[in-house]
Amino acid sequence: MVIQKEKKSCGQVVEEWKEFVWNPRTHQFMGRTGTSWAFILLFYLVFYGFLTAMFTLTMWVMLQTVSDHTPKYQDRLATPGLMIRPKTENLDVIVNVSDTESWDQHVQKLNKFLEPYNDSIQAQKNDVCRPGRYYEQPDNGVLNYPKRACQFNRTQLGDCSGIGDPTHYGYSTGQPCVFIKMNRVINFYAGANQSMNVTCVGKRDEDAENLGNFVMFPANGNIDLMYFPYYGKRFHVNYTQPLVAVKFLNVTPNVEVNVECRINAANIATDDERDKFAGRVAFKLRINKT
């Protein structure tokens, strides 16, 4: 024989729920006495307090091993790469001499890029250093901060300085300037105490023919040792990277030319096929004329 369970009325359900939330006979709140709730809250307070203290201690110990100014691991850039300015998509420098808009964007980028190199700013912020030697600034047990940087004046870029230049870095006349810079690597002594310079060539025989003549600033594409080592962004607050400007004088018009520039330094390898930016940069140059 099936015994049917008596169906509770809505009022009974409400009364049972009210009694569960607060039972005046046993003084229980949601099935537990005040003492029971106090022990539960105390347990979780101690438990999460312990976890917080453990996390804080772990972070503090880790931070004691980390410098505020120098990355602990620097294996991503064992060999510095080269980059060009103006910075363009796919490293293509395309100039249409008769179309101002095609090269004005490059000019605006270069104006902004070279502004920190103005002679007046360099004289105000940076030191006149002795050429041909590293500008080392050791801490010697006492934090030497901020580090001083050597002046690299915009006027050193000669015809590519853009100062009082009606040709706009040569872009309006089909003789554009392209700037080469080496990526920063902290505490890297570029050149291994020997002179170094940048050279540029056409990648293939036909590129070499179409590339024509060019001049470099500073002369011979030299990069002086005094701009090294670099101590990091937070230490070297006014550091300005040395630049090499290449002014292309008679590139064959309406032809795409593949150019490769390399840094010639004793301790920078440029023949690693796995890293095509290690110590070198390749870009395309095209001068369109009608």
C-alpha atoms as a PDB file:
ATOM      1  CA  MET A   1       0.000   0.000   0.000  1.00  0.00           C
ATOM      2  CA  VAL A   2       1.420   3.347  -1.058  1.00  0.00           C
ATOM      3  CA  ILE A   3       1.491   5.967   1.682  1.00  0.00           C
ATOM      4  CA  GLN A   4       1.102   9.447   0.301  1.00  0.00           C
ATOM      5  CA  LYS A   5       3.235  12.135   1.935  1.00  0.00           C
ATOM      6  CA  GLU A   6       1.144  14.894   3.365  1.00  0.00           C
ATOM      7  CA  LYS A   7       1.500  17.995   1.271  1.00  0.00           C
ATOM      8  CA  LYS A   8       2.550  21.020   3.294  1.00  0.00           C
ATOM      9  CA  SER A   9       0.738  24.248   2.936  1.00  0.00           C
ATOM     10  CA  CYS A  10       2.477  27.445   1.864  1.00  0.00           C
ATOM     11  CA  GLY A  11       2.205  28.795   5.395  1.00  0.00           C
ATOM     12  CA  GLN A  12       3.925  25.714   6.840  1.00  0.00           C
ATOM     13  CA  VAL A  13       6.774  26.021   4.362  1.00  0.00           C
ATOM     14  CA  VAL A  14       7.264  29.673   5.304  1.00  0.00           C
ATOM     15  CA  GLU A  15       7.227  28.843   9.012  1.00  0.00           C
ATOM     16  CA  GLU A  16       9.799  26.082   8.565  1.00  0.00           C
ATOM     17  CA  TRP A  17      12.028  28.421   6.585  1.00  0.00           C
ATOM     18  CA  LYS A  18      11.738  31.125   9.250  1.00  0.00           C
ATOM     19  CA  GLU A  19      12.606  28.582  11.925  1.00  0.00           C
ATOM     20  CA  PHE A  20      15.643  27.449   9.912  1.00  0.00           C
ATOM     21  CA  VAL A  21      16.912  31.011   9.601  1.00  0.00           C
ATOM     22  CA  TRP A  22      16.355  31.702  13.295  1.00  0.00           C
ATOM     23  CA  ASN A  23      15.229  29.106  15.841  1.00  0.00           C
ATOM     24  CA  PRO A  24      14.202  30.965  19.009  1.00  0.00           C
ATOM     25  CA  ARG A  25      14.079  27.720  21.030  1.00  0.00           C
ATOM     26  CA  THR A  26      17.695  26.637  20.369  1.00  0.00           C
ATOM     27  CA  HIS A  27      18.996  30.085  19.475  1.00  0.00           C
ATOM     28  CA  GLN A  28      20.435  28.758  16.213  1.00  0.00           C
ATOM     29  CA  PHE A  29      21.008  30.860  13.126  1.00  0.00           C
ATOM     30  CA  MET A  30      20.769  28.835   9.901  1.00  0.00           C
ATOM     31  CA  GLY A  31      21.285  25.607  11.815  1.00  0.00           C
ATOM     32  CA  ARG A  32      24.272  26.732  13.892  1.00  0.00           C
ATOM     33  CA  THR A  33      24.694  28.320  17.276  1.00  0.00           C
ATOM     34  CA  GLY A  34      26.619  31.536  17.764  1.00  0.00           C
ATOM     35  CA  THR A  35      29.577  29.609  19.172  1.00  0.00           C
ATOM     36  CA  SER A  36      29.671  27.349  16.124  1.00  0.00           C
ATOM     37  CA  TRP A  37      29.592  30.327  13.762  1.00  0.00           C
ATOM     38  CA  ALA A  38      32.336  32.041  15.760  1.00  0.00           C
ATOM     39  CA  PHE A  39      34.625  28.996  15.449  1.00  0.00           C
ATOM     40  CA  ILE A  40      34.002  28.805  11.678  1.00  0.00           C
ATOM     41  CA  LEU A  41      34.742  32.500  11.170  1.00  0.00           C
ATOM     42  CA  LEU A  42      37.846  32.232  13.333  1.00  0.00           C
ATOM     43  CA  PHE A  43      39.091  29.255  11.330  1.00  0.00           C
ATOM     44  CA  TYR A  44      38.724  31.027   7.975  1.00  0.00           C
ATOM     45  CA  LEU A  45      40.212  34.228   9.368  1.00  0.00           C
ATOM     46  CA  VAL A  46      43.313  32.353  10.527  1.00  0.00           C
ATOM     47  CA  PHE A  47      43.448  30.265   7.337  1.00  0.00           C
ATOM     48  CA  TYR A  48      43.261  33.180   4.876  1.00  0.00           C
ATOM     49  CA  GLY A  49      45.469  35.318   7.104  1.00  0.00           C
ATOM     50  CA  PHE A  50      48.127  32.590   6.902  1.00  0.00           C
ATOM     51  CA  LEU A  51      47.802  32.414   3.099  1.00  0.00           C
ATOM     52  CA  THR A  52      48.116  36.199   2.820  1.00  0.00           C
ATOM     53  CA  ALA A  53      51.181  36.227   5.049  1.00  0.00           C
ATOM     54  CA  MET A  54      52.750  33.383   3.034  1.00  0.00           C
ATOM     55  CA  PHE A  55      52.136  35.195  -0.271  1.00  0.00           C
ATOM     56  CA  THR A  56      53.475  38.496   1.102  1.00  0.00           C
ATOM     57  CA  LEU A  57      56.622  36.824   2.448  1.00  0.00           C
ATOM     58  CA  THR A  58      57.212  35.028  -0.864  1.00  0.00           C
ATOM     59  CA  MET A  59      56.861  38.259  -2.846  1.00  0.00           C
ATOM     60  CA  TRP A  60      59.164  40.113  -0.453  1.00  0.00           C
ATOM     61  CA  VAL A  61      61.877  37.444  -0.721  1.00  0.00           C
ATOM     62  CA  MET A  62      61.617  37.458  -4.522  1.00  0.00           C
ATOM     63  CA  LEU A  63      61.826  41.257  -4.728  1.00  0.00           C
ATOM     64  CA  GLN A  64      65.048  41.216  -2.720  1.00  0.00           C
ATOM     65  CA  THR A  65      66.691  39.419  -5.645  1.00  0.00           C
ATOM     66  CA  VAL A  66      65.433  41.853  -8.303  1.00  0.00           C
ATOM     67  CA  SER A  67      67.102  45.153  -9.146  1.00  0.00           C
ATOM     68  CA  ASP A  68      64.955  48.232  -9.677  1.00  0.00           C
ATOM     69  CA  HIS A  69      67.184  49.294 -12.559  1.00  0.00           C
ATOM     70  CA  THR A  70      68.630  46.214 -14.274  1.00  0.00           C
ATOM     71  CA  PRO A  71      66.669  43.195 -15.585  1.00  0.00           C
ATOM     72  CA  LYS A  72      67.617  39.945 -13.872  1.00  0.00           C
ATOM     73  CA  TYR A  73      67.548  37.995 -17.150  1.00  0.00           C
ATOM     74  CA  GLN A  74      68.653  39.522 -20.459  1.00  0.00           C
ATOM     75  CA  ASP A  75      68.943  36.520 -22.746  1.00  0.00           C
ATOM     76  CA  ARG A  76      66.453  37.817 -25.325  1.00  0.00           C
ATOM     77  CA  LEU A  77      68.978  40.187 -26.900  1.00  0.00           C
ATOM     78  CA  ALA A  78      72.396  38.618 -26.651  1.00  0.00           C
ATOM     79  CA  THR A  79      73.313  40.308 -29.948  1.00  0.00           C
ATOM     80  CA  PRO A  80      71.901  43.762 -30.692  1.00  0.00           C
ATOM     81  CA  GLY A  81      69.964  44.224 -33.881  1.00  0.00           C
ATOM     82  CA  LEU A  82      69.710  47.210 -36.195  1.00  0.00           C
ATOM     83  CA  MET A  83      66.620  49.189 -37.137  1.00  0.00           C
ATOM     84  CA  ILE A  84      65.892  52.039 -39.510  1.00  0.00           C
ATOM     85  CA  ARG A  85      64.120  55.357 -39.288  1.00  0.00           C
ATOM     86  CA  PRO A  86      61.730  56.438 -40.631  1.00  0.00           C
ATOM     87  CA  LYS A  87      59.886  53.487 -39.165  1.00  0.00           C
ATOM     88  CA  THR A  88      57.630  52.005 -41.826  1.00  0.00           C
ATOM     89  CA  GLU A  89      55.499  48.930 -42.255  1.00  0.00           C
ATOM     90  CA  ASN A  90      57.535  46.015 -43.627  1.00  0.00           C
ATOM     91  CA  LEU A  91      60.648  48.243 -43.663  1.00  0.00           C
ATOM     92  CA  ASP A  92      59.744  49.741 -47.036  1.00  0.00           C
ATOM     93  CA  VAL A  93      60.890  53.289 -47.772  1.00  0.00           C
ATOM     94  CA  ILE A  94      58.870  54.413 -50.778  1.00  0.00           C
ATOM     95  CA  VAL A  95      59.128  57.983 -52.037  1.00  0.00           C
ATOM     96  CA  ASN A  96      57.115  59.571 -54.833  1.00  0.00           C
ATOM     97  CA  VAL A  97      59.010  62.788 -55.489  1.00  0.00           C
ATOM     98  CA  SER A  98      56.106  64.577 -57.188  1.00  0.00           C
ATOM     99  CA  ASP A  99      53.602  63.562 -54.476  1.00  0.00           C
ATOM    100  CA  THR A 100      54.290  65.517 -51.295  1.00  0.00           C
ATOM    101  CA  GLU A 101      51.963  63.375 -49.204  1.00  0.00           C
ATOM    102  CA  SER A 102      53.955  60.223 -50.023  1.00  0.00           C
ATOM    103  CA  TRP A 103      57.072  61.507 -48.260  1.00  0.00           C
ATOM    104  CA  ASP A 104      55.758  64.137 -45.861  1.00  0.00           C
ATOM    105  CA  GLN A 105      54.791  61.382 -43.398  1.00  0.00           C
ATOM    106  CA  HIS A 106      58.425  60.269 -43.343  1.00  0.00           C
ATOM    107  CA  VAL A 107      59.589  63.826 -42.744  1.00  0.00           C
ATOM    108  CA  GLN A 108      57.201  64.284 -39.818  1.00  0.00           C
ATOM    109  CA  LYS A 109      58.394  61.022 -38.226  1.00  0.00           C
ATOM    110  CA  LEU A 110      62.026  62.048 -38.611  1.00  0.00           C
ATOM    111  CA  ASN A 111      61.395  65.506 -37.129  1.00  0.00           C
ATOM    112  CA  LYS A 112      59.924  63.911 -34.016  1.00  0.00           C
ATOM    113  CA  PHE A 113      62.596  61.219 -33.844  1.00  0.00           C
ATOM    114  CA  LEU A 114      65.510  63.663 -34.093  1.00  0.00           C
ATOM    115  CA  GLU A 115      64.146  66.306 -31.733  1.00  0.00           C
ATOM    116  CA  PRO A 116      65.979  64.903 -28.649  1.00  0.00           C
ATOM    117  CA  TYR A 117      69.225  65.143 -30.653  1.00  0.00           C
ATOM    118  CA  ASN A 118      69.020  68.920 -31.011  1.00  0.00           C
ATOM    119  CA  ASP A 119      72.343  70.450 -29.975  1.00  0.00           C
ATOM    120  CA  SER A 120      70.709  72.692 -27.374  1.00  0.00           C
ATOM    121  CA  ILE A 121      68.979  69.749 -25.668  1.00  0.00           C
ATOM    122  CA  GLN A 122      72.136  67.636 -25.755  1.00  0.00           C
ATOM    123  CA  ALA A 123      74.219  70.445 -24.253  1.00  0.00           C
ATOM    124  CA  GLN A 124      71.670  70.877 -21.479  1.00  0.00           C
ATOM    125  CA  LYS A 125      71.266  67.223 -20.522  1.00  0.00           C
ATOM    126  CA  ASN A 126      74.364  65.289 -21.583  1.00  0.00           C
ATOM    127  CA  ASP A 127      78.149  65.384 -21.222  1.00  0.00           C
ATOM    128  CA  VAL A 128      80.944  66.090 -23.686  1.00  0.00           C
ATOM    129  CA  CYS A 129      82.827  62.801 -23.557  1.00  0.00           C
ATOM    130  CA  ARG A 130      86.266  61.706 -24.622  1.00  0.00           C
ATOM    131  CA  PRO A 131      85.999  59.825 -27.956  1.00  0.00           C
ATOM    132  CA  GLY A 132      87.470  56.374 -28.463  1.00  0.00           C
ATOM    133  CA  ARG A 133      86.836  54.989 -24.984  1.00  0.00           C
ATOM    134  CA  TYR A 134      83.906  53.573 -23.055  1.00  0.00           C
ATOM    135  CA  TYR A 135      82.058  55.928 -20.732  1.00  0.00           C
ATOM    136  CA  GLU A 136      81.945  53.675 -17.683  1.00  0.00           C
ATOM    137  CA  GLN A 137      80.168  54.808 -14.525  1.00  0.00           C
ATOM    138  CA  PRO A 138      80.530  52.067 -11.890  1.00  0.00           C
ATOM    139  CA  ASP A 139      78.605  52.195  -8.622  1.00  0.00           C
ATOM    140  CA  ASN A 140      81.601  51.225  -6.450  1.00  0.00           C
ATOM    141  CA  GLY A 141      79.326  50.110  -3.635  1.00  0.00           C
ATOM    142  CA  VAL A 142      77.202  53.272  -3.773  1.00  0.00           C
ATOM    143  CA  LEU A 143      74.280  53.627  -6.176  1.00  0.00           C
ATOM    144  CA  ASN A 144      75.395  55.987  -8.943  1.00  0.00           C
ATOM    145  CA  TYR A 145      72.050  57.223 -10.197  1.00  0.00           C
ATOM    146  CA  PRO A 146      71.182  58.637 -12.634  1.00  0.00           C
ATOM    147  CA  LYS A 147      73.974  57.821 -15.050  1.00  0.00           C
ATOM    148  CA  ARG A 148      75.252  60.556 -17.320  1.00  0.00           C
ATOM    149  CA  ALA A 149      75.089  60.145 -21.104  1.00  0.00           C
ATOM    150  CA  CYS A 150      77.377  61.394 -23.845  1.00  0.00           C
ATOM    151  CA  GLN A 151      76.248  64.024 -26.303  1.00  0.00           C
ATOM    152  CA  PHE A 152      75.217  62.960 -29.777  1.00  0.00           C
ATOM    153  CA  ASN A 153      74.464  66.233 -31.514  1.00  0.00           C
ATOM    154  CA  ARG A 154      72.106  66.480 -34.425  1.00  0.00           C
ATOM    155  CA  THR A 155      74.648  68.498 -36.376  1.00  0.00           C
ATOM    156  CA  GLN A 156      76.848  65.373 -36.521  1.00  0.00           C
ATOM    157  CA  LEU A 157      74.380  64.048 -39.092  1.00  0.00           C
ATOM    158  CA  GLY A 158      75.549  66.598 -41.663  1.00  0.00           C
ATOM    159  CA  ASP A 159      73.307  66.815 -44.719  1.00  0.00           C
ATOM    160  CA  CYS A 160      70.841  64.477 -43.005  1.00  0.00           C
ATOM    161  CA  SER A 161      70.391  66.608 -39.893  1.00  0.00           C
ATOM    162  CA  GLY A 162      67.315  68.285 -41.348  1.00  0.00           C
ATOM    163  CA  ILE A 163      68.407  71.625 -39.861  1.00  0.00           C
ATOM    164  CA  GLY A 164      67.510  74.438 -42.254  1.00  0.00           C
ATOM    165  CA  ASP A 165      67.103  71.829 -44.968  1.00  0.00           C
ATOM    166  CA  PRO A 166      64.708  72.873 -47.770  1.00  0.00           C
ATOM    167  CA  THR A 167      64.933  69.364 -49.261  1.00  0.00           C
ATOM    168  CA  HIS A 168      63.314  67.778 -46.167  1.00  0.00           C
ATOM    169  CA  TYR A 169      66.038  65.188 -45.526  1.00  0.00           C
ATOM    170  CA  GLY A 170      66.367  64.816 -49.294  1.00  0.00           C
ATOM    171  CA  TYR A 171      62.902  63.321 -49.742  1.00  0.00           C
ATOM    172  CA  SER A 172      61.648  66.154 -51.931  1.00  0.00           C
ATOM    173  CA  THR A 173      64.545  65.714 -54.376  1.00  0.00           C
ATOM    174  CA  GLY A 174      64.733  61.912 -54.506  1.00  0.00           C
ATOM    175  CA  GLN A 175      67.886  61.746 -52.359  1.00  0.00           C
ATOM    176  CA  PRO A 176      66.408  60.450 -49.094  1.00  0.00           C
ATOM    177  CA  CYS A 177      68.195  59.979 -45.792  1.00  0.00           C
ATOM    178  CA  VAL A 178      67.665  56.739 -43.882  1.00  0.00           C
ATOM    179  CA  PHE A 179      68.867  56.516 -40.291  1.00  0.00           C
ATOM    180  CA  ILE A 180      70.386  53.369 -38.796  1.00  0.00           C
ATOM    181  CA  LYS A 181      70.303  52.748 -35.061  1.00  0.00           C
ATOM    182  CA  MET A 182      71.465  49.846 -32.951  1.00  0.00           C
ATOM    183  CA  ASN A 183      69.090  48.348 -30.398  1.00  0.00           C
ATOM    184  CA  ARG A 184      69.981  48.939 -26.767  1.00  0.00           C
ATOM    185  CA  VAL A 185      71.440  46.091 -24.724  1.00  0.00           C
ATOM    186  CA  ILE A 186      72.161  46.750 -21.063  1.00  0.00           C
ATOM    187  CA  ASN A 187      75.822  46.549 -19.990  1.00  0.00           C
ATOM    188  CA  PHE A 188      76.931  45.579 -23.496  1.00  0.00           C
ATOM    189  CA  TYR A 189      80.394  46.794 -24.507  1.00  0.00           C
ATOM    190  CA  ALA A 190      79.895  47.105 -28.249  1.00  0.00           C
ATOM    191  CA  GLY A 191      83.044  46.792 -30.319  1.00  0.00           C
ATOM    192  CA  ALA A 192      85.115  44.997 -27.670  1.00  0.00           C
ATOM    193  CA  ASN A 193      87.260  48.124 -27.274  1.00  0.00           C
ATOM    194  CA  GLN A 194      87.842  48.379 -31.029  1.00  0.00           C
ATOM    195  CA  SER A 195      86.463  50.832 -33.566  1.00  0.00           C
ATOM    196  CA  MET A 196      83.226  49.932 -35.336  1.00  0.00           C
ATOM    197  CA  ASN A 197      81.138  51.261 -38.179  1.00  0.00           C
ATOM    198  CA  VAL A 198      78.046  50.628 -40.291  1.00  0.00           C
ATOM    199  CA  THR A 199      78.238  49.658 -43.958  1.00  0.00           C
ATOM    200  CA  CYS A 200      75.416  49.353 -46.484  1.00  0.00           C
ATOM    201  CA  VAL A 201      75.264  47.406 -49.757  1.00  0.00           C
ATOM    202  CA  GLY A 202      72.758  46.190 -52.307  1.00  0.00           C
ATOM    203  CA  LYS A 203      71.691  42.643 -51.426  1.00  0.00           C
ATOM    204  CA  ARG A 204      72.045  41.346 -54.988  1.00  0.00           C
ATOM    205  CA  ASP A 205      74.142  42.371 -57.982  1.00  0.00           C
ATOM    206  CA  GLU A 206      71.243  44.211 -59.623  1.00  0.00           C
ATOM    207  CA  ASP A 207      70.506  45.964 -56.332  1.00  0.00           C
ATOM    208  CA  ALA A 208      74.126  47.123 -56.104  1.00  0.00           C
ATOM    209  CA  GLU A 209      73.881  48.611 -59.597  1.00  0.00           C
ATOM    210  CA  ASN A 210      70.564  50.359 -58.897  1.00  0.00           C
ATOM    211  CA  LEU A 211      71.617  51.609 -55.458  1.00  0.00           C
ATOM    212  CA  GLY A 212      74.097  54.101 -56.840  1.00  0.00           C
ATOM    213  CA  ASN A 213      76.250  56.292 -54.610  1.00  0.00           C
ATOM    214  CA  PHE A 214      75.573  57.318 -51.047  1.00  0.00           C
ATOM    215  CA  VAL A 215      77.261  59.196 -48.223  1.00  0.00           C
ATOM    216  CA  MET A 216      77.178  58.416 -44.509  1.00  0.00           C
ATOM    217  CA  PHE A 217      77.126  60.626 -41.441  1.00  0.00           C
ATOM    218  CA  PRO A 218      79.168  60.531 -39.253  1.00  0.00           C
ATOM    219  CA  ALA A 219      81.910  59.853 -41.774  1.00  0.00           C
ATOM    220  CA  ASN A 220      82.321  56.210 -42.795  1.00  0.00           C
ATOM    221  CA  GLY A 221      79.341  55.282 -40.633  1.00  0.00           C
ATOM    222  CA  ASN A 222      81.482  55.322 -37.478  1.00  0.00           C
ATOM    223  CA  ILE A 223      79.939  54.633 -34.063  1.00  0.00           C
ATOM    224  CA  ASP A 224      82.088  55.777 -31.165  1.00  0.00           C
ATOM    225  CA  LEU A 225      82.771  53.655 -28.079  1.00  0.00           C
ATOM    226  CA  MET A 226      81.850  56.496 -25.738  1.00  0.00           C
ATOM    227  CA  TYR A 227      78.126  55.741 -26.148  1.00  0.00           C
ATOM    228  CA  PHE A 228      78.579  52.415 -24.378  1.00  0.00           C
ATOM    229  CA  PRO A 229      77.791  50.732 -22.100  1.00  0.00           C
ATOM    230  CA  TYR A 230      74.088  51.442 -21.773  1.00  0.00           C
ATOM    231  CA  TYR A 231      72.861  51.068 -18.190  1.00  0.00           C
ATOM    232  CA  GLY A 232      69.113  50.784 -18.726  1.00  0.00           C
ATOM    233  CA  LYS A 233      66.177  53.132 -19.098  1.00  0.00           C
ATOM    234  CA  ARG A 234      65.850  53.948 -15.391  1.00  0.00           C
ATOM    235  CA  PHE A 235      69.575  54.519 -14.884  1.00  0.00           C
ATOM    236  CA  HIS A 236      70.358  56.226 -18.207  1.00  0.00           C
ATOM    237  CA  VAL A 237      67.427  58.618 -18.198  1.00  0.00           C
ATOM    238  CA  ASN A 238      68.788  60.982 -20.892  1.00  0.00           C
ATOM    239  CA  TYR A 239      70.562  58.394 -23.026  1.00  0.00           C
ATOM    240  CA  THR A 240      70.372  59.007 -26.778  1.00  0.00           C
ATOM    241  CA  GLN A 241      71.525  56.254 -29.081  1.00  0.00           C
ATOM    242  CA  PRO A 242      74.239  56.973 -31.621  1.00  0.00           C
ATOM    243  CA  LEU A 243      72.931  57.139 -35.173  1.00  0.00           C
ATOM    244  CA  VAL A 244      74.305  56.624 -38.650  1.00  0.00           C
ATOM    245  CA  ALA A 245      72.590  58.497 -41.464  1.00  0.00           C
ATOM    246  CA  VAL A 246      72.774  57.229 -45.028  1.00  0.00           C
ATOM    247  CA  LYS A 247      71.973  59.687 -47.816  1.00  0.00           C
ATOM    248  CA  PHE A 248      71.255  57.935 -51.110  1.00  0.00           C
ATOM    249  CA  LEU A 249      72.339  60.222 -53.937  1.00  0.00           C
ATOM    250  CA  ASN A 250      71.323  58.605 -57.233  1.00  0.00           C
ATOM    251  CA  VAL A 251      69.134  55.550 -56.744  1.00  0.00           C
ATOM    252  CA  THR A 252      67.761  54.270 -60.041  1.00  0.00           C
ATOM    253  CA  PRO A 253      64.210  55.670 -60.162  1.00  0.00           C
ATOM    254  CA  ASN A 254      61.061  53.532 -60.358  1.00  0.00           C
ATOM    255  CA  VAL A 255      62.970  50.404 -59.310  1.00  0.00           C
ATOM    256  CA  GLU A 256      62.728  48.584 -55.994  1.00  0.00           C
ATOM    257  CA  VAL A 257      66.190  48.254 -54.442  1.00  0.00           C
ATOM    258  CA  ASN A 258      66.976  45.843 -51.613  1.00  0.00           C
ATOM    259  CA  VAL A 259      69.481  47.339 -49.182  1.00  0.00           C
ATOM    260  CA  GLU A 260      71.272  45.659 -46.292  1.00  0.00           C
ATOM    261  CA  CYS A 261      73.197  47.529 -43.598  1.00  0.00           C
ATOM    262  CA  ARG A 262      75.493  45.839 -41.077  1.00  0.00           C
ATOM    263  CA  ILE A 263      77.432  46.834 -38.003  1.00  0.00           C
ATOM    264  CA  ASN A 264      81.091  45.885 -38.241  1.00  0.00           C
ATOM    265  CA  ALA A 265      82.172  45.194 -34.671  1.00  0.00           C
ATOM    266  CA  ALA A 266      84.469  42.615 -33.127  1.00  0.00           C
ATOM    267  CA  ASN A 267      81.835  41.195 -30.767  1.00  0.00           C
ATOM    268  CA  ILE A 268      78.677  41.441 -32.913  1.00  0.00           C
ATOM    269  CA  ALA A 269      77.954  38.528 -35.243  1.00  0.00           C
ATOM    270  CA  THR A 270      76.090  39.404 -38.438  1.00  0.00           C
ATOM    271  CA  ASP A 271      75.999  36.018 -40.180  1.00  0.00           C
ATOM    272  CA  ASP A 272      73.377  34.196 -38.089  1.00  0.00           C
ATOM    273  CA  GLU A 273      70.769  33.014 -40.594  1.00  0.00           C
ATOM    274  CA  ARG A 274      68.342  32.194 -37.752  1.00  0.00           C
ATOM    275  CA  ASP A 275      68.203  35.847 -36.739  1.00  0.00           C
ATOM    276  CA  LYS A 276      68.171  38.174 -39.728  1.00  0.00           C
ATOM    277  CA  PHE A 277      68.170  41.270 -37.510  1.00  0.00           C
ATOM    278  CA  ALA A 278      71.253  40.354 -35.468  1.00  0.00           C
ATOM    279  CA  GLY A 279      73.738  43.113 -36.204  1.00  0.00           C
ATOM    280  CA  ARG A 280      72.050  43.987 -39.488  1.00  0.00           C
ATOM    281  CA  VAL A 281      68.880  45.251 -41.102  1.00  0.00           C
ATOM    282  CA  ALA A 282      67.469  44.849 -44.602  1.00  0.00           C
ATOM    283  CA  PHE A 283      64.972  47.243 -46.154  1.00  0.00           C
ATOM    284  CA  LYS A 284      63.511  48.150 -49.529  1.00  0.00           C
ATOM    285  CA  LEU A 285      64.054  51.533 -51.117  1.00  0.00           C
ATOM    286  CA  ARG A 286      62.078  52.863 -54.061  1.00  0.00           C
ATOM    287  CA  ILE A 287      62.219  56.355 -55.572  1.00  0.00           C
ATOM    288  CA  ASN A 288      59.353  57.025 -57.966  1.00  0.00           C
ATOM    289  CA  LYS A 289      59.768  59.790 -60.507  1.00  0.00           C
ATOM    290  CA  THR A 290      57.536  60.746 -63.382  1.00  0.00           C
END
